[in-house]
Structures are given as C-alpha cells and as structure tokens.
Amino acid sequence: MTGLEEQREAGRQVGRRSRALKIVGLTLAGVMTLSIAAAGWAYVHLNDNIKSVDINGALGDDRPAKAVTTPTASASASASPLPTGSVNILVLGSDSRSGKENKKLGGGNSSGARSDTAMVVHIGAGRTSATVVSIPRDTLVTRPSCPLSSGGSTAVAYNSMFNSAYSVGGAVCAVKTVESITGVRMDHYLEIDFSGFAKLVDALGGVTVTTDQDISDDDSHLHLKKGTHHLDGTTALALARTRHGIGDGSDLGRIGLQQKLVKALLDQMASISLLTDPAKLYEVADAVTASLTTDTGLDSLSELMRLGQSLKGLTSHNVKTVMMPVVTAPSDPNRVIAKEPAAGELWKSLQ
C-alpha cells in the first residue's frame, strides 16, 4: 500500500470512528431525553393524582392554636431545611363505595362514604417518635356546626356518632369535630380509601402481621388462624375492617388490628430500599397518590416527599399506638363516650 493509500485508509477509519461516536452520542442523548421526559411525565402524573380540600380556608381562625416551634441551629443554616417541629395529622380511612374497585372491596351503596378509621398521628419534635391515637367511630360526641362546600352549614348535633361528621360535611367537618373534642390543632389531613390501602399494601409486597387469636368474620370475608401471616392488599384490608370475628364484635377490637397494621406497614417500608429502586418507588407512590385526599398543605408530590423525608428517622419501634380512653355510653350499650379525665389528659399531652 502506498503512502497516499495509507493516508486515505487512515482517513476512512477516522471517519468511521467519528460517525460511530456521533451515533453513540445521539443514542445517549436520546436515552437521556426519554429518561427526562419519562421522569417529568411520572412527576406530573403522580402530582395530578392527589386530590385536596382547603380545610384552612373553610375553617378560618376558629380553631385551636398552632403549636409554636423553634428552628434548630442546623435548620437555620440550610436554605431549605426539612421541618423538625411536632405536627398533628388526622388520618382517615374512608369506606367510600365510589368506583368499581371500592365497590368490589367494600360493597354497599355508592351514595356516600363514612370515616371507617380515624387516627390522630402526633409526630413529636425531632420527628423520630410518634403517638397514634385511634378514635372509635362509635363514640358519641357533640358534632359542631360545619361549613358546607355548597354554602351554609350543618346544625350542631348532640350525642351523634363520631363518624357521622364525615358523612354530613366531609373532610372539613371531620377535622372540625376532631379539633372540637380534642382541643388539638390538626396541622394536616390525609384520607385514603379502600382500594388505595389495598394497592399500597400490594405495592409494598404485602405486610406481616401476628394475630393473637383465630379470626372468623363472614362480613369482612376474613378467616385466619392465630399466628403470623404475610398478607396481600385485599386480606390486609379485610383485617382492617374486621370487627365481628374478634372480641365482643365492637369497633374497639378492630382498632387493635388496625394499629398492628400501622406498625406492619412501617416495618415493610423500612425493609425495602425504595430510594434505590425507582420502579418500586414509583409503584408505591402511584398506589398512594391515586387514592389520596389531603389538605392544601400537602397537595403536591414535593410537599408529600418533604414530609416523608422529615420522617426518615421514625421507626415502628418509636411509634406508640393507643386508643382514646372510652366507657360505655349511658344512653346506649352499643356506643361509647370519652372517659374523663383520662381522654382530656391524653389530648393535652399532644398539644
């Protein structure tokens, strides 16, 4: 091969390498563009999933005072510090019959919903410990007058079932009723329905729960032997709804099972590496946000992520679960009322 031919061949090799590099570069650019677009779509999709209620706007200033927190030294040094102060969140499990999935899981008619589960979650200062207080739905309370989204307001109702507040006035009335009977300001509101809870459990890979007795409840379709079980979403939901197969068949026995599930969920979240598994993280986030209703302070993916990040030091070992102290109502043996002064002392400890 002559010198000229060698130069031409070298030129062709350089050209081929150049074209190959361009192809690789364009391919990488395309992959990056698609990844960014997918990430952007995922964020918008999850963000749009979330429904919210403007509870602060509806209730105004006629509420318990907010807790006053002092920023820590580390927080003040950061441009956008994670919150570290105590916070109270009203968490409701709605037995909404709307939608095919909820009807399939819950049955009943589709004309409305009730608060099947109500928990006041108090996260202590530093956000490494929490107290979860369950309020029995069969508790008789004085339901305050609540503003309605359609205008006007509900009438004050005496000796009314606690869960009727959600039925007559939705999230706003549920929050106002809880604040009325506890004297504690609810900083945030979270509500998840039947299908959302079941999907969350399935997205997490199920939960492991130990039952202290055999459970046989034809109403919730749950039949479990005493012992440890790994439950899928549908079975976990049945456990959360079970009342006739345990204890005296009242709501009080069911609360104990629901509290077991709360800790089981925390343990399962801790056992899987969500932050290192984007696909799993997206699956969990999609399951939660699709069936979630929040107050306007938590109605975006970034706000929910910020709350979650602030709780990264919270484990199930530092979560105390209790029930509001109650006694049988004098007017109805199938209902309960707050036991005083124990109930008042409990709520005061959370202020």
Protein backbone atom coordinates (compact mmCIF):
# COMPACT_ATOMS: atom_id res chain seq x y z
CA MET A 1 0.00 0.00 0.00
CA THR A 2 1.39 3.39 -1.00
CA GLY A 3 1.72 6.28 1.37
CA LEU A 4 -1.23 8.01 -0.29
CA GLU A 5 -3.39 4.91 0.07
CA GLU A 6 -2.39 4.58 3.74
CA GLN A 7 -3.43 8.18 4.35
CA ARG A 8 -6.76 7.58 2.63
CA GLU A 9 -7.39 4.39 4.69
CA ALA A 10 -6.49 6.23 7.90
CA GLY A 11 -8.89 8.98 6.92
CA ARG A 12 -11.65 6.46 6.34
CA GLN A 13 -11.01 4.88 9.79
CA VAL A 14 -11.15 8.28 11.45
CA GLY A 15 -14.37 9.00 9.59
CA ARG A 16 -15.90 5.70 10.69
CA ARG A 17 -14.88 6.33 14.31
CA SER A 18 -16.28 9.84 14.10
CA ARG A 19 -19.59 8.55 12.72
CA ALA A 20 -19.67 5.81 15.41
CA LEU A 21 -19.04 8.38 18.13
CA LYS A 22 -21.79 10.57 16.71
CA ILE A 23 -24.20 7.63 16.70
CA VAL A 24 -23.32 6.75 20.31
CA GLY A 25 -23.64 10.40 21.31
CA LEU A 26 -27.01 10.76 19.61
CA THR A 27 -28.20 7.49 21.18
CA LEU A 28 -27.15 8.62 24.65
CA ALA A 29 -28.77 11.99 24.09
CA GLY A 30 -31.96 10.25 23.00
CA VAL A 31 -31.94 7.98 26.05
CA MET A 32 -31.35 10.95 28.35
CA THR A 33 -34.14 12.92 26.67
CA LEU A 34 -36.54 9.98 27.01
CA SER A 35 -35.50 9.46 30.65
CA ILE A 36 -36.04 13.11 31.48
CA ALA A 37 -39.37 13.10 29.65
CA ALA A 38 -40.43 9.92 31.49
CA ALA A 39 -39.39 11.38 34.82
CA GLY A 40 -41.28 14.57 34.03
CA TRP A 41 -44.36 12.60 32.98
CA ALA A 42 -44.17 10.48 36.14
CA TYR A 43 -43.95 13.57 38.34
CA VAL A 44 -46.90 15.25 36.62
CA HIS A 45 -48.92 12.03 36.75
CA LEU A 46 -48.31 11.49 40.46
CA ASN A 47 -48.89 15.15 41.23
CA ASP A 48 -52.19 15.14 39.33
CA ASN A 49 -53.30 12.02 41.22
CA ILE A 50 -53.58 13.92 44.50
CA LYS A 51 -56.93 15.41 45.48
CA SER A 52 -57.14 18.10 48.15
CA VAL A 53 -59.53 20.03 50.37
CA ASP A 54 -58.90 23.60 51.55
CA ILE A 55 -59.55 22.94 55.22
CA ASN A 56 -57.77 26.06 56.48
CA GLY A 57 -59.83 28.27 54.18
CA ALA A 58 -63.08 26.58 55.21
CA LEU A 59 -62.49 26.69 58.98
CA GLY A 60 -60.77 30.07 59.28
CA ASP A 61 -59.38 31.11 62.66
CA ASP A 62 -61.98 29.48 64.92
CA ARG A 63 -59.65 26.63 65.76
CA PRO A 64 -57.14 25.51 68.41
CA ALA A 65 -53.86 27.40 68.25
CA LYS A 66 -50.97 26.04 66.22
CA ALA A 67 -48.04 24.62 68.15
CA VAL A 68 -45.10 27.05 68.30
CA THR A 69 -41.77 25.52 67.28
CA THR A 70 -38.25 26.93 67.47
CA PRO A 71 -35.93 26.26 64.49
CA THR A 72 -32.85 24.21 65.31
CA ALA A 73 -29.33 25.52 64.68
CA SER A 74 -28.82 23.04 61.83
CA ALA A 75 -32.10 24.02 60.25
CA SER A 76 -31.29 27.73 60.26
CA ALA A 77 -28.02 27.02 58.40
CA SER A 78 -29.85 25.44 55.48
CA ALA A 79 -31.56 27.37 52.72
CA SER A 80 -34.46 24.90 52.65
CA PRO A 81 -34.38 22.85 55.86
CA LEU A 82 -36.61 19.88 56.46
CA PRO A 83 -39.21 20.57 59.15
CA THR A 84 -38.33 19.20 62.60
CA GLY A 85 -41.16 20.53 64.78
CA SER A 86 -44.03 18.49 66.14
CA VAL A 87 -47.02 18.01 63.85
CA ASN A 88 -50.52 16.55 64.20
CA ILE A 89 -52.13 14.77 61.26
CA LEU A 90 -55.68 13.47 61.09
CA VAL A 91 -55.61 10.25 59.07
CA LEU A 92 -58.94 8.89 57.87
CA GLY A 93 -59.67 5.60 56.16
CA SER A 94 -62.74 6.22 54.03
CA ASP A 95 -65.17 3.42 53.24
CA SER A 96 -66.18 5.17 50.03
CA ARG A 97 -68.18 2.98 47.66
CA SER A 98 -67.44 5.19 44.65
CA GLY A 99 -65.67 3.47 41.79
CA LYS A 100 -65.70 -0.19 40.76
CA GLU A 101 -62.67 -1.13 42.87
CA ASN A 102 -64.08 0.34 46.08
CA LYS A 103 -67.47 -1.29 45.46
CA LYS A 104 -65.78 -4.63 44.92
CA LEU A 105 -63.74 -4.31 48.13
CA GLY A 106 -66.37 -2.67 50.31
CA GLY A 107 -69.80 -3.36 48.87
CA GLY A 108 -72.72 -1.21 49.91
CA ASN A 109 -74.30 1.66 48.08
CA SER A 110 -72.39 4.35 46.23
CA SER A 111 -74.25 7.37 47.53
CA GLY A 112 -71.71 8.40 50.12
CA ALA A 113 -68.83 7.49 52.42
CA ARG A 114 -68.01 7.32 56.10
CA SER A 115 -64.80 7.56 58.06
CA ASP A 116 -64.26 3.87 58.72
CA THR A 117 -60.96 4.55 60.51
CA ALA A 118 -59.82 7.69 62.32
CA MET A 119 -56.36 8.20 63.78
CA VAL A 120 -54.70 11.31 65.15
CA VAL A 121 -50.99 10.94 64.41
CA HIS A 122 -48.84 13.12 66.68
CA ILE A 123 -45.24 13.32 65.48
CA GLY A 124 -43.01 14.66 68.22
CA ALA A 125 -40.38 17.37 67.92
CA GLY A 126 -37.35 15.99 66.09
CA ARG A 127 -39.68 13.66 64.17
CA THR A 128 -38.13 10.43 65.46
CA SER A 129 -41.10 9.35 67.58
CA ALA A 130 -44.86 9.37 67.18
CA THR A 131 -48.09 8.60 69.01
CA VAL A 132 -51.04 7.26 67.04
CA VAL A 133 -54.39 7.75 68.78
CA SER A 134 -57.39 5.88 67.37
CA ILE A 135 -60.84 7.37 67.85
CA PRO A 136 -63.61 4.72 67.87
CA ARG A 137 -66.13 5.52 65.18
CA ASP A 138 -68.94 4.52 67.58
CA THR A 139 -68.03 7.32 70.01
CA LEU A 140 -70.91 9.67 70.80
CA VAL A 141 -69.83 13.31 70.51
CA THR A 142 -71.24 16.79 70.13
CA ARG A 143 -70.76 17.43 66.45
CA PRO A 144 -70.15 21.15 65.87
CA SER A 145 -71.71 23.24 63.13
CA CYS A 146 -69.64 22.71 60.00
CA PRO A 147 -69.41 24.82 56.82
CA LEU A 148 -70.60 23.11 53.65
CA SER A 149 -68.94 23.43 50.25
CA SER A 150 -72.35 24.12 48.74
CA GLY A 151 -72.91 27.03 51.12
CA GLY A 152 -74.47 27.31 54.56
CA SER A 153 -73.55 24.99 57.41
CA THR A 154 -74.71 21.94 59.31
CA ALA A 155 -76.53 22.20 62.62
CA VAL A 156 -74.89 21.30 65.92
CA ALA A 157 -75.73 17.67 66.74
CA TYR A 158 -75.66 16.21 70.26
CA ASN A 159 -74.97 12.55 71.07
CA SER A 160 -74.02 12.00 67.45
CA MET A 161 -71.81 9.18 66.19
CA PHE A 162 -68.28 10.42 65.60
CA ASN A 163 -68.08 9.09 62.05
CA SER A 164 -71.25 10.97 61.07
CA ALA A 165 -69.13 14.15 60.83
CA TYR A 166 -67.51 12.92 57.63
CA SER A 167 -70.85 11.76 56.26
CA VAL A 168 -72.53 15.14 56.62
CA GLY A 169 -69.63 17.51 55.99
CA GLY A 170 -66.69 15.61 54.52
CA ALA A 171 -63.08 16.26 55.49
CA VAL A 172 -63.77 19.77 56.79
CA CYS A 173 -66.37 18.56 59.31
CA ALA A 174 -64.22 15.59 60.30
CA VAL A 175 -61.33 17.92 61.14
CA LYS A 176 -63.55 20.40 62.97
CA THR A 177 -65.15 17.63 65.02
CA VAL A 178 -61.79 16.15 65.99
CA GLU A 179 -60.47 19.57 66.98
CA SER A 180 -63.66 20.22 68.95
CA ILE A 181 -63.44 17.06 71.04
CA THR A 182 -59.64 17.08 71.48
CA GLY A 183 -58.65 20.73 71.68
CA VAL A 184 -55.70 19.82 69.42
CA ARG A 185 -54.98 21.62 66.14
CA MET A 186 -54.79 19.28 63.14
CA ASP A 187 -51.90 20.60 61.06
CA HIS A 188 -52.62 18.27 58.18
CA TYR A 189 -55.24 15.88 56.83
CA LEU A 190 -54.75 12.61 54.94
CA GLU A 191 -57.50 10.33 53.65
CA ILE A 192 -57.16 7.05 51.78
CA ASP A 193 -59.97 4.82 50.52
CA PHE A 194 -60.42 1.04 50.36
CA SER A 195 -58.74 0.44 47.00
CA GLY A 196 -55.86 2.80 47.81
CA PHE A 197 -54.99 0.94 51.01
CA ALA A 198 -55.10 -2.44 49.28
CA LYS A 199 -52.94 -1.18 46.39
CA LEU A 200 -50.41 0.32 48.82
CA VAL A 201 -50.01 -2.98 50.65
CA ASP A 202 -49.60 -4.85 47.35
CA ALA A 203 -47.09 -2.29 46.06
CA LEU A 204 -45.03 -2.80 49.22
CA GLY A 205 -45.04 -6.55 48.68
CA GLY A 206 -47.54 -7.31 51.43
CA VAL A 207 -47.30 -6.94 55.20
CA THR A 208 -46.52 -9.40 58.00
CA VAL A 209 -48.93 -9.39 60.95
CA THR A 210 -49.24 -11.64 64.00
CA THR A 211 -52.75 -12.28 65.31
CA ASP A 212 -53.32 -13.29 68.93
CA GLN A 213 -56.44 -15.34 68.21
CA ASP A 214 -58.29 -17.09 65.42
CA ILE A 215 -60.35 -14.68 63.31
CA SER A 216 -63.52 -15.70 61.53
CA ASP A 217 -65.58 -12.84 60.13
CA ASP A 218 -68.01 -13.55 57.31
CA ASP A 219 -68.77 -9.83 56.91
CA SER A 220 -65.17 -8.91 56.06
CA HIS A 221 -64.56 -12.33 54.45
CA LEU A 222 -61.54 -12.88 56.69
CA HIS A 223 -60.67 -16.25 58.18
CA LEU A 224 -57.23 -16.50 59.79
CA LYS A 225 -55.73 -18.88 62.32
CA LYS A 226 -53.87 -17.48 65.29
CA GLY A 227 -50.25 -16.77 64.39
CA THR A 228 -48.06 -14.87 61.94
CA HIS A 229 -49.29 -14.22 58.40
CA HIS A 230 -47.98 -12.36 55.36
CA LEU A 231 -51.00 -10.58 53.91
CA ASP A 232 -51.68 -9.16 50.46
CA GLY A 233 -53.65 -5.95 49.99
CA THR A 234 -57.13 -7.47 49.92
CA THR A 235 -56.53 -9.59 53.02
CA ALA A 236 -54.88 -6.70 54.89
CA LEU A 237 -57.91 -4.54 54.12
CA ALA A 238 -60.20 -7.30 55.40
CA LEU A 239 -58.15 -7.37 58.62
CA ALA A 240 -58.50 -3.59 58.99
CA ARG A 241 -62.28 -3.90 58.60
CA THR A 242 -62.80 -6.95 60.81
CA ARG A 243 -64.86 -6.44 63.94
CA HIS A 244 -67.35 -9.32 64.28
CA GLY A 245 -64.74 -12.06 64.37
CA ILE A 246 -62.84 -10.79 67.40
CA GLY A 247 -63.56 -9.69 70.97
CA ASP A 248 -67.09 -8.54 71.62
CA GLY A 249 -67.70 -7.66 67.98
CA SER A 250 -67.45 -3.91 68.61
CA ASP A 251 -65.26 -1.31 66.94
CA LEU A 252 -62.81 -1.48 69.87
CA GLY A 253 -61.44 -4.89 68.87
CA ARG A 254 -60.96 -3.75 65.28
CA ILE A 255 -58.85 -0.80 66.41
CA GLY A 256 -56.25 -3.17 67.86
CA LEU A 257 -55.92 -4.88 64.46
CA GLN A 258 -55.65 -1.55 62.67
CA GLN A 259 -52.85 -0.49 64.97
CA LYS A 260 -50.98 -3.71 64.23
CA LEU A 261 -51.29 -2.88 60.54
CA VAL A 262 -49.85 0.61 61.04
CA LYS A 263 -46.67 -0.85 62.53
CA ALA A 264 -46.56 -3.63 59.94
CA LEU A 265 -46.65 -1.02 57.15
CA LEU A 266 -43.79 0.93 58.74
CA ASP A 267 -41.75 -2.25 59.11
CA GLN A 268 -42.36 -3.24 55.49
CA MET A 269 -41.40 0.22 54.22
CA ALA A 270 -38.17 0.01 56.22
CA SER A 271 -37.36 -3.47 54.86
CA ILE A 272 -37.37 -2.49 51.18
CA SER A 273 -35.00 0.00 49.58
CA LEU A 274 -37.45 2.38 47.95
CA LEU A 275 -34.88 5.09 47.33
CA THR A 276 -32.58 2.70 45.43
CA ASP A 277 -35.38 1.10 43.41
CA PRO A 278 -37.05 3.79 41.26
CA ALA A 279 -39.56 1.34 39.76
CA LYS A 280 -40.72 0.18 43.19
CA LEU A 281 -40.77 3.76 44.48
CA TYR A 282 -42.97 4.81 41.56
CA GLU A 283 -45.31 1.83 42.09
CA VAL A 284 -45.76 2.73 45.77
CA ALA A 285 -46.16 6.43 45.04
CA ASP A 286 -48.74 5.75 42.32
CA ALA A 287 -50.72 3.46 44.64
CA VAL A 288 -50.78 6.06 47.40
CA THR A 289 -51.47 9.21 45.41
CA ALA A 290 -54.21 7.68 43.23
CA SER A 291 -56.49 7.22 46.24
CA LEU A 292 -55.27 10.07 48.44
CA THR A 293 -57.03 13.22 49.58
CA THR A 294 -55.04 15.79 51.55
CA ASP A 295 -55.33 19.30 52.89
CA THR A 296 -53.88 22.01 50.65
CA GLY A 297 -50.66 21.99 52.67
CA LEU A 298 -49.83 18.51 51.36
CA ASP A 299 -51.44 18.57 47.94
CA SER A 300 -48.32 18.24 45.82
CA LEU A 301 -45.79 15.48 45.34
CA SER A 302 -42.97 17.74 46.54
CA GLU A 303 -44.79 18.54 49.79
CA LEU A 304 -45.55 14.88 50.46
CA MET A 305 -41.92 13.96 49.72
CA ARG A 306 -40.74 16.69 52.06
CA LEU A 307 -42.95 15.32 54.84
CA GLY A 308 -41.69 11.79 54.15
CA GLN A 309 -38.06 12.90 54.18
CA SER A 310 -38.57 14.64 57.53
CA LEU A 311 -39.72 11.29 58.97
CA LYS A 312 -36.74 9.23 57.80
CA GLY A 313 -35.61 8.73 61.42
CA LEU A 314 -39.01 7.37 62.52
CA THR A 315 -39.24 3.59 63.00
CA SER A 316 -42.05 1.38 64.22
CA HIS A 317 -40.19 0.87 67.50
CA ASN A 318 -40.70 4.56 68.27
CA VAL A 319 -44.39 4.60 67.37
CA LYS A 320 -46.80 4.29 70.29
CA THR A 321 -50.33 3.20 69.41
CA VAL A 322 -53.19 3.91 71.82
CA MET A 323 -56.95 4.31 71.73
CA MET A 324 -58.79 7.30 73.11
CA PRO A 325 -59.99 6.19 76.58
CA VAL A 326 -63.71 5.42 76.42
CA VAL A 327 -66.51 3.95 78.52
CA THR A 328 -69.90 2.55 77.55
CA ALA A 329 -72.39 5.32 76.82
CA PRO A 330 -75.15 5.50 79.48
CA SER A 331 -77.73 6.11 76.74
CA ASP A 332 -76.75 3.17 74.53
CA PRO A 333 -74.81 0.00 75.41
CA ASN A 334 -73.65 -0.26 71.78
CA ARG A 335 -71.95 3.14 71.87
CA VAL A 336 -69.09 4.68 73.85
CA ILE A 337 -68.18 8.11 75.15
CA ALA A 338 -64.81 9.64 76.06
CA LYS A 339 -63.61 8.59 79.51
CA GLU A 340 -62.66 11.62 81.53
CA PRO A 341 -60.30 12.85 82.80
CA ALA A 342 -58.12 10.27 81.02
CA ALA A 343 -59.12 11.33 77.50
CA GLY A 344 -58.55 15.01 78.24
CA GLU A 345 -55.13 14.28 79.71
CA LEU A 346 -54.14 12.29 76.64
CA TRP A 347 -55.13 15.07 74.25
CA LYS A 348 -53.39 17.69 76.40
CA SER A 349 -50.14 15.73 76.13
CA LEU A 350 -50.30 16.12 72.35
CA GLN A 351 -50.80 19.89 72.29
